[in-house]
């Protein structure tokens, strides 16, 4: 779905930016250009970023590590 009509940014592009290393709304905005013109999409863009980061964090937390793993 299109989140930003001004720059043509979709929710998939926002998620891809996060999977490519963006870890904040500011990073996503710089990478995609979302909400850089009229700004009406900022709330929805922030929501997509928040949900995606939450999903990513919870999926990483559920990864089981081998018994030998030690955080140094």
C-alpha atoms as a PDB file:
ATOM      1  CA  UNK A   1       0.000   0.000   0.000  1.00  0.00           C
ATOM      2  CA  UNK A   2       1.178   3.500  -0.705  1.00  0.00           C
ATOM      3  CA  UNK A   3       2.076   5.400   2.425  1.00  0.00           C
ATOM      4  CA  UNK A   4       3.437   8.551   0.764  1.00  0.00           C
ATOM      5  CA  UNK A   5       1.757   9.633  -2.443  1.00  0.00           C
ATOM      6  CA  UNK A   6       4.043  12.636  -2.933  1.00  0.00           C
ATOM      7  CA  UNK A   7       7.171  10.499  -3.298  1.00  0.00           C
ATOM      8  CA  UNK A   8       5.533   7.147  -4.082  1.00  0.00           C
ATOM      9  CA  UNK A   9       6.784   5.274  -1.017  1.00  0.00           C
ATOM     10  CA  UNK A  10       5.026   2.046  -0.056  1.00  0.00           C
ATOM     11  CA  UNK A  11       4.860   0.204   3.236  1.00  0.00           C
ATOM     12  CA  UNK A  12       6.973  -2.519   1.626  1.00  0.00           C
ATOM     13  CA  UNK A  13       9.720  -0.023   0.846  1.00  0.00           C
ATOM     14  CA  UNK A  14       9.666   1.170   4.453  1.00  0.00           C
ATOM     15  CA  UNK A  15       9.969  -2.416   5.701  1.00  0.00           C
ATOM     16  CA  UNK A  16      12.763  -3.119   3.209  1.00  0.00           C
ATOM     17  CA  UNK A  17      14.654  -0.055   4.452  1.00  0.00           C
ATOM     18  CA  UNK A  18      14.435  -1.396   8.004  1.00  0.00           C
ATOM     19  CA  UNK A  19      15.562  -4.865   6.922  1.00  0.00           C
ATOM     20  CA  UNK A  20      18.463  -3.160   5.113  1.00  0.00           C
ATOM     21  CA  UNK A  21      19.660  -1.536   8.329  1.00  0.00           C
ATOM     22  CA  UNK A  22      17.522   1.506   9.129  1.00  0.00           C
ATOM     23  CA  UNK A  23      16.701   1.469  12.828  1.00  0.00           C
ATOM     24  CA  UNK A  24      14.658   4.637  13.299  1.00  0.00           C
ATOM     25  CA  UNK A  25      12.016   6.748  11.582  1.00  0.00           C
ATOM     26  CA  UNK A  26      14.682   9.322  10.806  1.00  0.00           C
ATOM     27  CA  UNK A  27      16.818   6.684   9.053  1.00  0.00           C
ATOM     28  CA  UNK A  28      13.820   5.472   7.047  1.00  0.00           C
ATOM     29  CA  UNK A  29      12.910   9.012   6.076  1.00  0.00           C
ATOM     30  CA  UNK A  30      16.439   9.688   4.809  1.00  0.00           C
ATOM     31  CA  UNK A  31      16.576   6.388   2.936  1.00  0.00           C
ATOM     32  CA  UNK A  32      13.155   6.542   1.280  1.00  0.00           C
ATOM     33  CA  UNK A  33      12.143  10.202   1.216  1.00  0.00           C
ATOM     34  CA  UNK A  34       8.852   9.417   2.957  1.00  0.00           C
ATOM     35  CA  UNK A  35       7.118  12.478   4.482  1.00  0.00           C
ATOM     36  CA  UNK A  36       9.657  14.810   2.928  1.00  0.00           C
ATOM     37  CA  UNK A  37       7.129  16.965   1.064  1.00  0.00           C
ATOM     38  CA  UNK A  38       3.657  17.656   2.456  1.00  0.00           C
ATOM     39  CA  UNK A  39       4.075  15.488   5.574  1.00  0.00           C
ATOM     40  CA  UNK A  40       0.493  14.159   5.692  1.00  0.00           C
ATOM     41  CA  UNK A  41       1.812  10.593   5.666  1.00  0.00           C
ATOM     42  CA  UNK A  42       4.164  11.006   8.636  1.00  0.00           C
ATOM     43  CA  UNK A  43       1.822   9.394  11.192  1.00  0.00           C
ATOM     44  CA  UNK A  44       1.218   6.332   9.032  1.00  0.00           C
ATOM     45  CA  UNK A  45       4.908   6.065   8.116  1.00  0.00           C
ATOM     46  CA  UNK A  46       5.880   6.205  11.793  1.00  0.00           C
ATOM     47  CA  UNK A  47       3.309   3.515  12.569  1.00  0.00           C
ATOM     48  CA  UNK A  48       4.732   1.198   9.886  1.00  0.00           C
ATOM     49  CA  UNK A  49       8.261   1.810  11.169  1.00  0.00           C
ATOM     50  CA  UNK A  50       7.208   1.167  14.786  1.00  0.00           C
ATOM     51  CA  UNK A  51       5.337  -2.044  13.922  1.00  0.00           C
ATOM     52  CA  UNK A  52       8.143  -3.367  11.734  1.00  0.00           C
ATOM     53  CA  UNK A  53      10.834  -2.657  14.327  1.00  0.00           C
ATOM     54  CA  UNK A  54       8.712  -4.330  17.009  1.00  0.00           C
ATOM     55  CA  UNK A  55       8.172  -7.411  14.820  1.00  0.00           C
ATOM     56  CA  UNK A  56      11.869  -7.558  13.999  1.00  0.00           C
ATOM     57  CA  UNK A  57      12.903  -7.266  17.651  1.00  0.00           C
ATOM     58  CA  UNK A  58      10.456  -9.934  18.785  1.00  0.00           C
ATOM     59  CA  UNK A  59      11.520 -12.329  16.029  1.00  0.00           C
ATOM     60  CA  UNK A  60      15.175 -11.867  16.961  1.00  0.00           C
ATOM     61  CA  UNK A  61      14.379 -12.408  20.638  1.00  0.00           C
ATOM     62  CA  UNK A  62      12.776 -15.756  19.862  1.00  0.00           C
ATOM     63  CA  UNK A  63      15.860 -17.108  18.074  1.00  0.00           C
ATOM     64  CA  UNK A  64      17.318 -19.874  20.152  1.00  0.00           C
ATOM     65  CA  UNK A  65      21.072 -19.972  20.531  1.00  0.00           C
ATOM     66  CA  UNK A  66      23.189 -23.064  21.028  1.00  0.00           C
ATOM     67  CA  UNK A  67      24.133 -23.927  24.594  1.00  0.00           C
ATOM     68  CA  UNK A  68      27.763 -23.073  23.809  1.00  0.00           C
ATOM     69  CA  UNK A  69      26.840 -19.489  22.894  1.00  0.00           C
ATOM     70  CA  UNK A  70      28.258 -16.908  25.251  1.00  0.00           C
ATOM     71  CA  UNK A  71      27.945 -13.167  24.980  1.00  0.00           C
ATOM     72  CA  UNK A  72      31.416 -11.752  25.479  1.00  0.00           C
END
